[in-house]
Amino acid sequence: MSSDGPTPAAARPVRRVAMVSLHTSPLERPGTGDAGGLNVYVVETATRLARRGVEVDIFTRATSATQRQSVDLEPGLGVVVHHVTAGPLEALGKETLPGHLCSFAADMSRHVAGLVEGHYDVIHAHYWLSGQVGWVASDRFDVPLVQTMHTMAKVKNRALAAGDTPEPQTRVSGEEEVVARADALVANTPAEARELTELYAAPPGSVHVVPPGVALETFRPGDRAEARARVGLAADAVVLLFVGRIQPLKAPDVLVRAAGRMLRRDPSLAGRLVVPVLGGLSGSGLARPESLQRVVREEGLEGQVRLVPPVSRSELATWMQAADLVAVPSHNESFGLVAVEALACGTPVVATRVGGLPLAVGDVGVLVEGHDPDDWAAAMSDVLEQAAEPGWREDHSRRAVAHAGQYSWERTVDALLEVYAAAVATRQGVLHG
């Protein structure tokens, strides 16, 4: 799953990795604040690395005086989350965090002050803010910096939702610095790899394609009637599910407006249509906290839309098993983890043809060009009509699960270990070719 490149020879095995996730903690529930797919990525990869004997330290910003300085992710696992002081002990918007990078780097240095050079084999930074600190740690331990961007300002700014705020030039410049400093860059998809080379002038040999994974032990098909009973949905409900942070980038408003059109075209849906929106306010959505409710009122869907706070991973799988389809109307996604998780549950997915979503859904999902609610209403209606045909749902579930099975977290970790080894070997000068 990594790009073609030099093959590591006698590099020392990777035994210890420091991950930096400055702006959001792996202990936070996805869907709250800035927690999302990045958090899932960090937890899943760190956990599986530890189970293979690799010690992982995760450094994240402290947001409460009650947080312990260091916390085991799971007892005895070998993954420790370190809370680093940077700015006030409260949640801060990502836009304010660049002003606290120096204090984060200073306090992180205090955390690792007693460790010898070479204690860590690799620094793996997640998101550009972490990369700014990661390269300091990379220099401190004389080890490679591996950078996963997750999202990029230049890409986001090309696909802004109407009225959304562009990412500032300070972020663009910061990302360019991180790309230039990193020993290896991990891209979620080939499309993201191209964006790194074309928009950020990343050397092609430094970019490795490593798709994220799915917790296949959690996200799997289940009895739909039983799942609906568990989340309080009627057996005959028509369920259009949205999962994600509530902000313009994720476009839950597109789903709501499309559902309004479906209801107006078929008034018989009124008593059965349910549109659960699982997630919390985030990003630029915090500036307009009532905007989604306003769209709900405009569409007359107060009785159909259910705003559900973020849930645990196992509860999320139950919601996906209960849904008729999962809608992913985002304006951009570097991959689209929610889409693959839904497919792993055997549930149909309708997604925007942007970013990594075409790869994530493959040929078993439905891709919509753009964000016209009429197009979304038509696409979702088509899926519902097909699902009513005898045998369609069973056949789709089989194909969806097979597609999602390509994206296990174990395969992701296999590829990450290859990237780590190649980056270490480059530092040690032991590459052939």
Protein backbone atom coordinates (compact mmCIF):
# COMPACT_ATOMS: atom_id res chain seq x y z
CA MET A 1 0.00 0.00 0.00
CA SER A 2 2.99 2.30 -0.10
CA SER A 3 4.45 3.95 -3.15
CA ASP A 4 7.33 2.45 -5.04
CA GLY A 5 10.63 3.48 -3.52
CA PRO A 6 13.89 2.25 -2.05
CA THR A 7 13.91 -0.98 -0.12
CA PRO A 8 15.19 -0.85 3.46
CA ALA A 9 18.15 -3.08 4.16
CA ALA A 10 19.78 -3.39 7.59
CA ALA A 11 17.86 -0.68 9.39
CA ARG A 12 17.23 -1.23 13.09
CA PRO A 13 13.72 -2.59 13.81
CA VAL A 14 11.20 0.03 14.85
CA ARG A 15 10.58 -0.42 18.58
CA ARG A 16 9.32 2.96 19.81
CA VAL A 17 7.18 5.55 18.05
CA ALA A 18 6.17 9.01 19.26
CA MET A 19 2.88 10.18 17.77
CA VAL A 20 1.91 13.84 17.95
CA SER A 21 -1.78 14.73 17.81
CA LEU A 22 -1.63 18.27 19.10
CA HIS A 23 -5.11 19.64 18.47
CA THR A 24 -7.26 16.65 19.39
CA SER A 25 -6.78 13.84 21.86
CA PRO A 26 -7.19 10.14 21.07
CA LEU A 27 -9.17 9.97 24.31
CA GLU A 28 -11.91 12.18 22.82
CA ARG A 29 -15.01 10.59 21.30
CA PRO A 30 -15.14 11.08 17.50
CA GLY A 31 -17.83 13.55 16.51
CA THR A 32 -17.18 15.87 19.45
CA GLY A 33 -15.28 19.13 18.93
CA ASP A 34 -12.47 18.52 16.48
CA ALA A 35 -12.44 14.77 17.07
CA GLY A 36 -13.12 12.69 13.98
CA GLY A 37 -11.41 10.27 11.65
CA LEU A 38 -7.97 11.47 12.74
CA ASN A 39 -8.70 10.37 16.29
CA VAL A 40 -9.86 6.96 15.11
CA TYR A 41 -6.72 6.65 12.99
CA VAL A 42 -4.40 7.43 15.90
CA VAL A 43 -6.14 5.07 18.32
CA GLU A 44 -6.39 2.17 15.90
CA THR A 45 -2.85 2.37 14.56
CA ALA A 46 -1.28 2.96 17.98
CA THR A 47 -3.22 0.06 19.48
CA ARG A 48 -2.23 -2.36 16.75
CA LEU A 49 1.39 -1.22 16.74
CA ALA A 50 1.52 -1.90 20.47
CA ARG A 51 0.09 -5.38 20.01
CA ARG A 52 3.02 -6.05 17.69
CA GLY A 53 5.51 -5.03 20.35
CA VAL A 54 6.03 -1.40 19.34
CA GLU A 55 5.82 1.05 22.24
CA VAL A 56 3.81 4.17 21.37
CA ASP A 57 3.77 7.53 23.17
CA ILE A 58 1.07 9.97 22.04
CA PHE A 59 1.49 13.68 22.79
CA THR A 60 -1.63 15.85 22.80
CA ARG A 61 -2.59 19.23 24.26
CA ALA A 62 -3.94 19.31 27.81
CA THR A 63 -7.44 20.82 28.02
CA SER A 64 -8.31 20.34 31.70
CA ALA A 65 -6.58 20.70 35.05
CA THR A 66 -8.07 17.35 36.07
CA GLN A 67 -6.23 15.42 33.35
CA ARG A 68 -3.36 13.30 34.53
CA GLN A 69 -0.04 14.11 32.89
CA SER A 70 0.25 10.64 31.39
CA VAL A 71 -2.53 8.08 30.87
CA ASP A 72 -2.46 4.54 29.54
CA LEU A 73 -4.74 4.25 26.50
CA GLU A 74 -5.53 0.74 27.76
CA PRO A 75 -3.99 -0.86 30.86
CA GLY A 76 -0.90 -2.86 29.98
CA LEU A 77 -1.17 -2.20 26.25
CA GLY A 78 1.99 -0.14 25.78
CA VAL A 79 0.33 3.07 24.50
CA VAL A 80 0.65 6.14 26.75
CA VAL A 81 -1.13 9.45 26.14
CA HIS A 82 0.84 12.45 27.45
CA HIS A 83 -1.01 15.70 28.11
CA VAL A 84 1.19 18.62 27.13
CA THR A 85 0.54 22.11 28.47
CA ALA A 86 0.12 24.73 25.74
CA GLY A 87 -2.07 27.73 26.38
CA PRO A 88 -5.12 27.78 28.66
CA LEU A 89 -6.45 24.50 30.02
CA GLU A 90 -9.58 24.51 27.92
CA ALA A 91 -10.70 23.49 24.47
CA LEU A 92 -9.47 25.96 21.84
CA GLY A 93 -10.35 26.36 18.20
CA LYS A 94 -7.72 25.14 15.76
CA GLU A 95 -7.36 28.67 14.42
CA THR A 96 -5.91 29.84 17.76
CA LEU A 97 -3.45 26.98 18.24
CA PRO A 98 -0.60 28.24 16.01
CA GLY A 99 0.08 30.82 18.70
CA HIS A 100 0.70 28.03 21.22
CA LEU A 101 3.07 25.86 19.17
CA CYS A 102 6.17 27.11 20.96
CA SER A 103 4.74 26.37 24.39
CA PHE A 104 3.64 22.91 23.23
CA ALA A 105 7.14 22.18 21.92
CA ALA A 106 8.69 23.45 25.17
CA ASP A 107 6.45 21.35 27.42
CA MET A 108 6.81 18.31 25.20
CA SER A 109 10.58 18.72 25.59
CA ARG A 110 10.06 18.61 29.35
CA HIS A 111 8.14 15.33 29.00
CA VAL A 112 11.00 13.71 27.13
CA ALA A 113 13.92 15.46 28.89
CA GLY A 114 15.26 12.30 30.50
CA LEU A 115 15.22 10.23 27.31
CA VAL A 116 18.40 9.58 25.38
CA GLU A 117 18.90 10.48 21.74
CA GLY A 118 17.51 7.65 19.65
CA HIS A 119 14.95 6.61 22.29
CA TYR A 120 12.28 6.91 19.62
CA ASP A 121 12.82 5.40 16.20
CA VAL A 122 10.20 7.53 14.45
CA ILE A 123 8.13 10.65 15.11
CA HIS A 124 4.71 10.32 13.44
CA ALA A 125 2.79 13.61 13.35
CA HIS A 126 -0.90 13.88 12.53
CA TYR A 127 -2.20 17.15 11.00
CA TRP A 128 -0.01 20.11 10.12
CA LEU A 129 0.01 21.63 13.63
CA SER A 130 1.51 18.43 14.97
CA GLY A 131 4.05 18.43 12.17
CA GLN A 132 5.32 21.84 13.26
CA VAL A 133 6.18 20.34 16.65
CA GLY A 134 7.10 16.95 15.22
CA TRP A 135 10.08 18.25 13.31
CA VAL A 136 11.48 19.74 16.55
CA ALA A 137 11.17 16.31 18.17
CA SER A 138 12.67 14.73 15.06
CA ASP A 139 15.75 16.95 15.40
CA ARG A 140 15.92 16.34 19.16
CA PHE A 141 16.09 12.54 18.77
CA ASP A 142 17.78 12.55 15.33
CA VAL A 143 15.08 10.29 13.92
CA PRO A 144 12.79 10.65 10.90
CA LEU A 145 9.58 12.64 10.87
CA VAL A 146 6.68 10.81 9.25
CA GLN A 147 3.77 13.15 8.52
CA THR A 148 0.11 12.36 7.85
CA MET A 149 -1.74 15.53 6.85
CA HIS A 150 -5.34 14.19 7.09
CA THR A 151 -6.62 17.40 5.51
CA MET A 152 -4.85 20.17 3.60
CA ALA A 153 -5.74 23.85 3.34
CA LYS A 154 -5.17 24.20 -0.40
CA VAL A 155 -7.47 21.25 -1.06
CA LYS A 156 -10.16 22.47 1.33
CA ASN A 157 -10.08 25.97 -0.13
CA ARG A 158 -10.73 24.62 -3.63
CA ALA A 159 -13.94 22.94 -2.45
CA LEU A 160 -15.47 25.29 0.12
CA ALA A 161 -19.12 25.08 1.01
CA ALA A 162 -21.13 28.22 0.27
CA GLY A 163 -20.46 30.77 2.98
CA ASP A 164 -17.71 28.72 4.65
CA THR A 165 -14.50 30.43 5.75
CA PRO A 166 -11.31 29.74 3.74
CA GLU A 167 -8.29 28.37 5.55
CA PRO A 168 -5.81 31.19 6.23
CA GLN A 169 -2.45 31.72 4.57
CA THR A 170 -0.70 31.01 7.87
CA ARG A 171 -1.96 27.43 7.68
CA VAL A 172 -0.95 27.11 4.02
CA SER A 173 2.57 28.31 4.85
CA GLY A 174 2.75 26.03 7.86
CA GLU A 175 1.74 23.03 5.79
CA GLU A 176 4.34 23.86 3.16
CA GLU A 177 7.01 23.94 5.87
CA VAL A 178 5.93 20.57 7.27
CA VAL A 179 5.90 18.95 3.84
CA ALA A 180 9.40 20.27 3.17
CA ARG A 181 10.70 19.05 6.54
CA ALA A 182 9.14 15.58 6.65
CA ASP A 183 11.26 12.53 5.86
CA ALA A 184 8.16 10.65 4.69
CA LEU A 185 4.60 11.70 3.93
CA VAL A 186 1.68 9.30 4.34
CA ALA A 187 -1.23 9.92 1.96
CA ASN A 188 -4.60 8.23 2.40
CA THR A 189 -5.21 7.82 -1.33
CA PRO A 190 -3.43 8.18 -4.67
CA ALA A 191 -5.42 11.40 -5.18
CA GLU A 192 -4.01 12.83 -1.97
CA ALA A 193 -0.52 11.77 -3.01
CA ARG A 194 -0.94 13.76 -6.23
CA GLU A 195 -2.15 16.78 -4.26
CA LEU A 196 0.94 16.63 -2.07
CA THR A 197 3.27 16.58 -5.08
CA GLU A 198 1.33 19.02 -7.29
CA LEU A 199 0.11 21.54 -4.71
CA TYR A 200 2.88 21.28 -2.11
CA ALA A 201 5.90 20.26 -4.22
CA ALA A 202 6.50 17.14 -2.14
CA PRO A 203 9.23 14.91 -3.63
CA PRO A 204 7.34 11.94 -5.13
CA GLY A 205 9.74 9.47 -3.51
CA SER A 206 8.81 10.73 -0.05
CA VAL A 207 5.07 10.16 -0.49
CA HIS A 208 3.59 6.79 0.48
CA VAL A 209 -0.04 5.79 -0.09
CA VAL A 210 -1.41 4.04 2.99
CA PRO A 211 -5.23 3.89 3.15
CA PRO A 212 -6.83 3.97 6.59
CA GLY A 213 -8.61 0.90 7.86
CA VAL A 214 -11.85 -0.26 9.40
CA ALA A 215 -12.32 -2.06 12.70
CA LEU A 216 -13.89 -5.08 11.02
CA GLU A 217 -14.50 -6.72 14.37
CA THR A 218 -16.85 -3.82 15.27
CA PHE A 219 -18.30 -2.78 11.91
CA ARG A 220 -19.99 -5.85 10.46
CA PRO A 221 -23.47 -6.81 9.24
CA GLY A 222 -26.15 -7.34 11.86
CA ASP A 223 -29.86 -7.99 12.10
CA ARG A 224 -31.53 -4.78 10.92
CA ALA A 225 -34.72 -5.23 12.96
CA GLU A 226 -32.72 -5.87 16.11
CA ALA A 227 -30.46 -2.87 15.43
CA ARG A 228 -33.49 -0.62 14.94
CA ALA A 229 -35.02 -1.77 18.19
CA ARG A 230 -31.76 -0.96 20.00
CA VAL A 231 -31.64 2.64 18.71
CA GLY A 232 -35.36 3.31 18.94
CA LEU A 233 -36.33 3.19 15.26
CA ALA A 234 -39.53 1.67 13.92
CA ALA A 235 -39.19 -1.53 11.94
CA ASP A 236 -40.76 0.07 8.83
CA ALA A 237 -38.87 3.40 9.05
CA VAL A 238 -37.01 4.78 6.04
CA VAL A 239 -33.70 5.75 7.62
CA LEU A 240 -31.23 8.14 5.93
CA LEU A 241 -28.23 8.37 8.27
CA PHE A 242 -25.60 11.10 8.52
CA VAL A 243 -22.50 10.59 10.67
CA GLY A 244 -19.97 13.37 11.18
CA ARG A 245 -19.19 16.68 12.75
CA ILE A 246 -21.81 19.35 12.13
CA GLN A 247 -20.02 21.93 10.01
CA PRO A 248 -20.31 23.22 6.43
CA LEU A 249 -17.46 20.97 5.21
CA LYS A 250 -19.45 17.84 6.07
CA ALA A 251 -22.66 19.26 4.52
CA PRO A 252 -25.43 17.68 6.62
CA ASP A 253 -27.66 20.45 5.24
CA VAL A 254 -27.46 18.81 1.80
CA LEU A 255 -28.95 15.61 3.18
CA VAL A 256 -31.70 17.51 5.01
CA ARG A 257 -32.69 19.48 1.91
CA ALA A 258 -32.62 16.32 -0.21
CA ALA A 259 -34.83 14.56 2.32
CA GLY A 260 -37.26 17.49 2.10
CA ARG A 261 -37.50 17.02 -1.63
CA MET A 262 -38.06 13.28 -1.25
CA LEU A 263 -40.89 13.93 1.18
CA ARG A 264 -42.56 16.50 -1.06
CA ARG A 265 -42.40 14.10 -4.01
CA ASP A 266 -43.76 11.23 -1.93
CA PRO A 267 -45.91 12.51 0.98
CA SER A 268 -46.53 8.89 2.06
CA LEU A 269 -43.01 8.96 3.54
CA ALA A 270 -44.09 11.46 6.21
CA GLY A 271 -44.82 8.88 8.88
CA ARG A 272 -41.80 6.70 8.12
CA LEU A 273 -38.92 8.97 7.08
CA VAL A 274 -36.20 9.39 9.73
CA VAL A 275 -33.00 11.39 9.21
CA PRO A 276 -30.66 10.81 12.17
CA VAL A 277 -27.73 13.25 12.31
CA LEU A 278 -25.03 11.78 14.57
CA GLY A 279 -22.41 14.31 15.58
CA GLY A 280 -21.60 17.53 17.36
CA LEU A 281 -20.86 21.08 16.30
CA SER A 282 -17.32 21.64 15.09
CA GLY A 283 -15.07 23.99 13.16
CA SER A 284 -16.84 26.83 11.40
CA GLY A 285 -20.14 25.25 12.42
CA LEU A 286 -19.57 26.66 15.91
CA ALA A 287 -20.00 30.18 14.54
CA ARG A 288 -23.53 29.34 13.31
CA PRO A 289 -24.81 26.75 15.81
CA GLU A 290 -28.45 27.06 14.72
CA SER A 291 -27.87 26.81 10.97
CA LEU A 292 -28.76 23.13 10.60
CA GLN A 293 -31.90 23.50 12.72
CA ARG A 294 -32.88 26.43 10.49
CA VAL A 295 -32.58 24.20 7.41
CA VAL A 296 -34.68 21.56 9.18
CA ARG A 297 -37.41 24.13 9.83
CA GLU A 298 -37.28 25.47 6.27
CA GLU A 299 -37.78 21.95 4.94
CA GLY A 300 -40.55 21.20 7.42
CA LEU A 301 -38.69 18.16 8.76
CA GLU A 302 -38.89 18.81 12.50
CA GLY A 303 -40.63 15.46 12.91
CA GLN A 304 -38.16 13.53 10.76
CA VAL A 305 -34.67 14.85 11.62
CA ARG A 306 -33.16 13.56 14.86
CA LEU A 307 -30.05 15.27 16.20
CA VAL A 308 -28.13 12.57 18.05
CA PRO A 309 -24.99 13.32 20.13
CA PRO A 310 -21.81 11.43 19.19
CA VAL A 311 -21.94 7.77 20.22
CA SER A 312 -19.41 5.03 20.94
CA ARG A 313 -17.91 3.00 18.11
CA SER A 314 -20.08 -0.02 18.89
CA GLU A 315 -23.21 2.15 19.02
CA LEU A 316 -22.24 3.72 15.72
CA ALA A 317 -22.07 0.27 14.13
CA THR A 318 -25.59 -0.40 15.42
CA TRP A 319 -26.89 2.81 13.84
CA MET A 320 -25.26 1.85 10.55
CA GLN A 321 -26.80 -1.63 10.68
CA ALA A 322 -30.18 0.00 11.30
CA ALA A 323 -29.99 2.49 8.40
CA ASP A 324 -31.40 2.09 4.90
CA LEU A 325 -28.43 4.09 3.67
CA VAL A 326 -25.62 6.28 4.95
CA ALA A 327 -25.16 9.65 3.24
CA VAL A 328 -21.70 11.27 3.03
CA PRO A 329 -22.34 14.63 1.31
CA SER A 330 -19.00 16.21 2.28
CA HIS A 331 -17.37 18.93 0.23
CA ASN A 332 -14.04 17.20 0.75
CA GLU A 333 -12.74 14.05 2.44
CA SER A 334 -9.14 12.89 2.38
CA PHE A 335 -10.51 9.34 2.58
CA GLY A 336 -14.01 8.91 4.00
CA LEU A 337 -13.78 6.48 6.88
CA VAL A 338 -17.51 6.68 7.67
CA ALA A 339 -18.32 5.43 4.19
CA VAL A 340 -16.15 2.32 4.52
CA GLU A 341 -17.45 1.63 8.03
CA ALA A 342 -21.01 1.71 6.68
CA LEU A 343 -20.11 -0.64 3.84
CA ALA A 344 -18.49 -3.00 6.35
CA CYS A 345 -21.93 -3.16 8.00
CA GLY A 346 -23.44 -4.06 4.63
CA THR A 347 -25.28 -0.73 4.41
CA PRO A 348 -25.60 1.21 1.12
CA VAL A 349 -23.62 4.45 0.87
CA VAL A 350 -24.38 7.57 -1.17
CA ALA A 351 -21.41 9.96 -1.25
CA THR A 352 -20.08 12.99 -3.05
CA ARG A 353 -17.56 12.33 -5.80
CA VAL A 354 -14.77 14.26 -4.08
CA GLY A 355 -11.39 13.55 -2.49
CA GLY A 356 -10.91 9.98 -1.32
CA LEU A 357 -14.58 9.00 -1.41
CA PRO A 358 -14.47 7.34 -4.86
CA LEU A 359 -11.75 5.03 -3.55
CA ALA A 360 -13.50 4.51 -0.22
CA VAL A 361 -16.81 3.38 -1.75
CA GLY A 362 -15.40 1.64 -4.82
CA ASP A 363 -18.01 0.22 -7.18
CA VAL A 364 -20.48 -0.69 -4.43
CA GLY A 365 -21.37 2.86 -3.41
CA VAL A 366 -23.28 5.56 -5.29
CA LEU A 367 -21.37 8.75 -6.10
CA VAL A 368 -23.12 12.07 -6.67
CA GLU A 369 -21.59 14.91 -8.66
CA GLY A 370 -21.87 18.08 -6.58
CA HIS A 371 -24.29 19.04 -3.85
CA ASP A 372 -27.58 19.81 -5.59
CA PRO A 373 -30.30 18.50 -3.25
CA ASP A 374 -32.36 17.37 -6.25
CA ASP A 375 -29.50 15.14 -7.41
CA TRP A 376 -29.08 13.76 -3.91
CA ALA A 377 -32.81 13.10 -3.59
CA ALA A 378 -32.78 11.21 -6.89
CA ALA A 379 -29.72 9.15 -5.97
CA MET A 380 -31.11 8.16 -2.57
CA SER A 381 -34.53 7.36 -4.02
CA ASP A 382 -32.87 5.08 -6.56
CA VAL A 383 -31.05 3.21 -3.80
CA LEU A 384 -34.27 2.78 -1.82
CA GLU A 385 -36.09 1.48 -4.89
CA GLN A 386 -33.35 -1.03 -5.63
CA ALA A 387 -33.27 -2.15 -2.01
CA ALA A 388 -36.96 -3.05 -2.27
CA GLU A 389 -36.21 -5.60 -4.99
CA PRO A 390 -35.97 -9.24 -3.86
CA GLY A 391 -32.40 -10.30 -3.08
CA TRP A 392 -30.84 -6.89 -3.75
CA ARG A 393 -30.04 -6.06 -0.15
CA GLU A 394 -28.39 -9.43 0.49
CA ASP A 395 -26.30 -9.21 -2.69
CA HIS A 396 -25.29 -5.62 -1.95
CA SER A 397 -24.32 -6.49 1.62
CA ARG A 398 -22.09 -9.29 0.43
CA ARG A 399 -20.28 -7.06 -2.08
CA ALA A 400 -20.03 -4.14 0.36
CA VAL A 401 -18.49 -6.28 3.09
CA ALA A 402 -16.00 -7.74 0.61
CA HIS A 403 -14.99 -4.24 -0.51
CA ALA A 404 -14.60 -2.95 3.05
CA GLY A 405 -12.53 -6.00 3.93
CA GLN A 406 -9.69 -4.58 1.85
CA TYR A 407 -9.27 -1.81 4.41
CA SER A 408 -8.46 -3.53 7.69
CA TRP A 409 -6.36 -1.61 10.21
CA GLU A 410 -3.93 -4.53 10.27
CA ARG A 411 -3.12 -3.87 6.61
CA THR A 412 -2.73 -0.18 7.41
CA VAL A 413 -0.22 -0.98 10.16
CA ASP A 414 1.65 -3.39 7.87
CA ALA A 415 2.14 -0.53 5.43
CA LEU A 416 3.01 2.02 8.12
CA LEU A 417 5.75 -0.24 9.45
CA GLU A 418 7.18 -0.38 5.91
CA VAL A 419 7.12 3.43 5.74
CA TYR A 420 8.77 3.70 9.15
CA ALA A 421 11.49 1.21 8.19
CA ALA A 422 12.21 3.00 4.92
CA ALA A 423 12.41 6.39 6.68
CA VAL A 424 14.77 4.99 9.35
CA ALA A 425 16.92 3.36 6.69
CA THR A 426 17.16 6.62 4.77
CA ARG A 427 18.40 8.36 7.91
CA GLN A 428 20.93 5.59 8.49
CA GLY A 429 22.09 5.60 4.88
CA VAL A 430 21.57 1.90 4.33
CA LEU A 431 19.28 1.93 1.32
CA HIS A 432 19.97 -0.15 -1.77
CA GLY A 433 19.19 1.61 -4.99
